[in-house]
Amino acid sequence: MATKEASSSKKSAAASSGKPAKPAANLSPKAAAAAIRIADNKKATYNYHIEERFEAGMVLEGWEVKSVREGKVQLTDGYVVIRNGELFIIGCQINPLGTASTHVQPDSIRTKKLLMHKDEIKRLLAKVEQKGFTLVPLNMHWKSGRVKCEIGLAKGKAEHDKRDTIKDREGKREVERVMKSNRR
């Protein structure tokens, strides 16, 4: 009996700690990744060809972390710049909660610093200086209790490439509709 009570008290302590629950072991890897994802920038894959992906830590204030836990994040207008050998994300909007502290003035669109190793930043700087490359935020996610931002080294798509993307997407939808109707 004592072991059951001890294990149940551990479970209740973990549930009340406020940490996000770990994904269940029986989930597929894709579903487990979606369980810790905070926000996606779907517009980035539409407007850019993503050449490489990198993961960077984010420097956030306390009220921002609370808002991120509630999912009040928008990445669509964001972009990444390199200033003085440091990465910053501009245009990433984290909306404050209604219960934000009264002694803190939350700025939802403040510039946030991204954390990466210096040699990775130097490599990114060399690639961004090439014609046509830019850095865009792709998603925000939790990793080991910390907020991470996945950024992509991207090249802009031409208008005809965007039309091809739409055409391919609509073709896949049509095939799925036909397959679904054939199953019935």
Protein backbone atom coordinates (compact mmCIF):
# COMPACT_ATOMS: atom_id res chain seq x y z
CA MET A 1 0.00 0.00 0.00
CA ALA A 2 2.78 2.41 0.86
CA THR A 3 4.27 2.15 -2.63
CA LYS A 4 0.94 2.94 -4.30
CA GLU A 5 0.45 6.02 -2.13
CA ALA A 6 4.01 7.19 -2.78
CA SER A 7 3.67 6.81 -6.54
CA SER A 8 0.30 8.58 -6.59
CA SER A 9 1.73 11.49 -4.57
CA LYS A 10 4.63 11.77 -7.05
CA LYS A 11 2.15 11.91 -9.93
CA SER A 12 0.09 14.63 -8.28
CA ALA A 13 3.25 16.63 -7.45
CA ALA A 14 4.39 16.43 -11.09
CA ALA A 15 0.95 17.49 -12.31
CA SER A 16 0.84 20.50 -10.05
CA SER A 17 4.40 21.67 -10.79
CA GLY A 18 3.22 23.65 -13.82
CA LYS A 19 5.68 21.99 -16.19
CA PRO A 20 4.31 20.89 -19.55
CA ALA A 21 3.48 17.21 -19.59
CA LYS A 22 5.82 14.95 -21.53
CA PRO A 23 4.23 13.39 -24.60
CA ALA A 24 2.96 9.86 -24.10
CA ALA A 25 5.30 7.06 -25.13
CA ASN A 26 2.74 5.49 -27.48
CA LEU A 27 2.55 8.57 -29.74
CA SER A 28 4.25 8.61 -33.12
CA PRO A 29 7.34 10.85 -33.38
CA LYS A 30 5.39 13.35 -35.48
CA ALA A 31 2.58 13.53 -32.90
CA ALA A 32 5.08 13.83 -30.04
CA ALA A 33 6.79 16.75 -31.81
CA ALA A 34 3.43 18.45 -32.35
CA ALA A 35 2.66 18.12 -28.63
CA ILE A 36 5.56 20.45 -27.72
CA ARG A 37 5.23 22.85 -30.64
CA ILE A 38 4.18 26.39 -29.73
CA ALA A 39 3.75 28.20 -33.05
CA ASP A 40 4.48 27.63 -36.74
CA ASN A 41 5.27 30.09 -39.52
CA LYS A 42 3.39 28.48 -42.41
CA LYS A 43 3.93 31.58 -44.53
CA ALA A 44 7.70 31.00 -44.51
CA THR A 45 7.54 27.72 -46.43
CA TYR A 46 5.17 29.32 -48.93
CA ASN A 47 7.33 32.42 -49.55
CA TYR A 48 10.80 30.86 -49.29
CA HIS A 49 12.85 27.82 -50.28
CA ILE A 50 14.35 26.64 -46.98
CA GLU A 51 17.99 25.61 -47.55
CA GLU A 52 19.07 24.83 -43.97
CA ARG A 53 17.43 24.75 -40.53
CA PHE A 54 18.99 25.80 -37.23
CA GLU A 55 17.79 25.78 -33.64
CA ALA A 56 18.40 28.77 -31.38
CA GLY A 57 17.49 29.52 -27.79
CA MET A 58 15.43 32.60 -27.00
CA VAL A 59 15.93 35.28 -24.34
CA LEU A 60 12.46 36.00 -22.94
CA GLU A 61 11.05 37.93 -20.03
CA GLY A 62 8.81 36.29 -17.43
CA TRP A 63 5.51 37.58 -18.82
CA GLU A 64 6.54 36.38 -22.30
CA VAL A 65 7.12 32.83 -21.06
CA LYS A 66 3.67 32.82 -19.45
CA SER A 67 2.11 34.03 -22.71
CA VAL A 68 4.03 31.44 -24.71
CA ARG A 69 2.63 28.71 -22.45
CA GLU A 70 -0.85 29.97 -23.34
CA GLY A 71 0.04 29.92 -27.07
CA LYS A 72 -0.26 33.67 -27.67
CA VAL A 73 2.54 33.79 -30.28
CA GLN A 74 2.58 34.95 -33.90
CA LEU A 75 5.62 34.36 -36.12
CA THR A 76 4.27 35.22 -39.58
CA ASP A 77 5.72 38.75 -39.77
CA GLY A 78 9.00 37.85 -38.07
CA TYR A 79 12.50 37.86 -39.50
CA VAL A 80 15.99 37.35 -38.10
CA VAL A 81 18.87 39.84 -38.33
CA ILE A 82 22.52 39.63 -37.34
CA ARG A 83 23.86 42.68 -35.47
CA ASN A 84 27.36 42.86 -33.96
CA GLY A 85 27.75 39.07 -34.15
CA GLU A 86 24.43 38.39 -32.37
CA LEU A 87 21.09 37.11 -33.69
CA PHE A 88 17.85 38.99 -33.07
CA ILE A 89 14.29 38.14 -34.07
CA ILE A 90 12.20 41.13 -35.12
CA GLY A 91 8.44 41.14 -35.65
CA CYS A 92 7.71 38.04 -33.57
CA GLN A 93 4.62 39.01 -31.63
CA ILE A 94 3.99 37.61 -28.14
CA ASN A 95 0.73 39.04 -26.82
CA PRO A 96 0.62 39.65 -23.06
CA LEU A 97 -1.94 37.93 -20.90
CA GLY A 98 -4.75 39.98 -19.42
CA THR A 99 -3.44 39.14 -15.97
CA ALA A 100 0.04 40.56 -16.65
CA SER A 101 1.75 42.32 -13.79
CA THR A 102 0.96 45.99 -13.28
CA HIS A 103 4.58 47.01 -12.60
CA VAL A 104 5.82 45.58 -15.93
CA GLN A 105 5.04 47.35 -19.21
CA PRO A 106 4.75 44.47 -21.74
CA ASP A 107 5.83 45.26 -25.29
CA SER A 108 4.37 42.59 -27.55
CA ILE A 109 6.65 43.28 -30.52
CA ARG A 110 9.97 43.91 -28.78
CA THR A 111 13.16 42.61 -30.41
CA LYS A 112 14.18 39.29 -28.87
CA LYS A 113 17.72 37.92 -28.76
CA LEU A 114 18.45 34.45 -30.11
CA LEU A 115 21.21 32.30 -28.65
CA MET A 116 23.59 30.29 -30.86
CA HIS A 117 27.30 29.41 -30.83
CA LYS A 118 29.61 32.08 -32.30
CA ASP A 119 30.96 29.83 -35.06
CA GLU A 120 27.40 28.96 -36.17
CA ILE A 121 26.54 32.68 -36.27
CA LYS A 122 29.69 33.41 -38.34
CA ARG A 123 28.73 30.64 -40.77
CA LEU A 124 25.20 32.07 -41.03
CA LEU A 125 26.57 35.58 -41.56
CA ALA A 126 28.71 34.39 -44.46
CA LYS A 127 25.70 32.71 -46.10
CA VAL A 128 23.34 35.64 -45.50
CA GLU A 129 25.80 38.00 -47.18
CA GLN A 130 25.38 35.94 -50.35
CA LYS A 131 22.80 37.36 -52.72
CA GLY A 132 19.23 36.29 -52.06
CA PHE A 133 19.59 34.54 -48.69
CA THR A 134 17.74 35.58 -45.54
CA LEU A 135 16.92 34.15 -42.12
CA VAL A 136 13.31 33.48 -41.21
CA PRO A 137 11.75 31.97 -38.07
CA LEU A 138 10.06 28.66 -38.88
CA ASN A 139 8.61 27.62 -35.52
CA MET A 140 8.84 27.95 -31.76
CA HIS A 141 8.87 24.89 -29.54
CA TRP A 142 9.69 23.62 -26.06
CA LYS A 143 12.84 21.59 -25.54
CA SER A 144 13.92 20.49 -22.06
CA GLY A 145 11.76 23.18 -20.46
CA ARG A 146 13.22 25.99 -22.60
CA VAL A 147 11.73 27.90 -25.51
CA LYS A 148 13.61 27.31 -28.76
CA CYS A 149 13.16 28.93 -32.15
CA GLU A 150 13.87 27.06 -35.35
CA ILE A 151 15.24 29.45 -37.96
CA GLY A 152 15.78 28.71 -41.61
CA LEU A 153 18.36 29.92 -44.08
CA ALA A 154 16.03 30.73 -46.95
CA LYS A 155 15.95 32.04 -50.48
CA GLY A 156 12.87 33.91 -51.74
CA LYS A 157 10.53 32.17 -54.16
CA ALA A 158 9.57 33.72 -57.47
CA GLU A 159 5.87 34.26 -58.20
CA HIS A 160 5.71 31.27 -60.57
CA ASP A 161 7.18 29.03 -57.83
CA LYS A 162 4.38 30.10 -55.49
CA ARG A 163 1.82 29.25 -58.16
CA ASP A 164 3.44 25.82 -58.59
CA THR A 165 3.17 25.26 -54.83
CA ILE A 166 -0.55 26.08 -54.93
CA LYS A 167 -1.09 23.85 -57.96
CA ASP A 168 0.67 20.90 -56.29
CA ARG A 169 -1.33 21.37 -53.07
CA GLU A 170 -4.64 21.48 -54.96
CA GLY A 171 -3.65 18.39 -56.98
CA LYS A 172 -2.95 16.44 -53.78
CA ARG A 173 -6.30 17.50 -52.33
CA GLU A 174 -8.11 16.35 -55.48
CA VAL A 175 -6.38 12.95 -55.38
CA GLU A 176 -7.31 12.57 -51.70
CA ARG A 177 -10.96 13.42 -52.47
CA VAL A 178 -11.11 10.82 -55.24
CA MET A 179 -9.45 8.19 -53.05
CA LYS A 180 -11.89 8.95 -50.21
CA SER A 181 -14.92 8.67 -52.50
CA ASN A 182 -13.61 5.37 -53.94
CA ARG A 183 -13.33 3.87 -50.44
CA ARG A 184 -17.06 4.37 -49.80
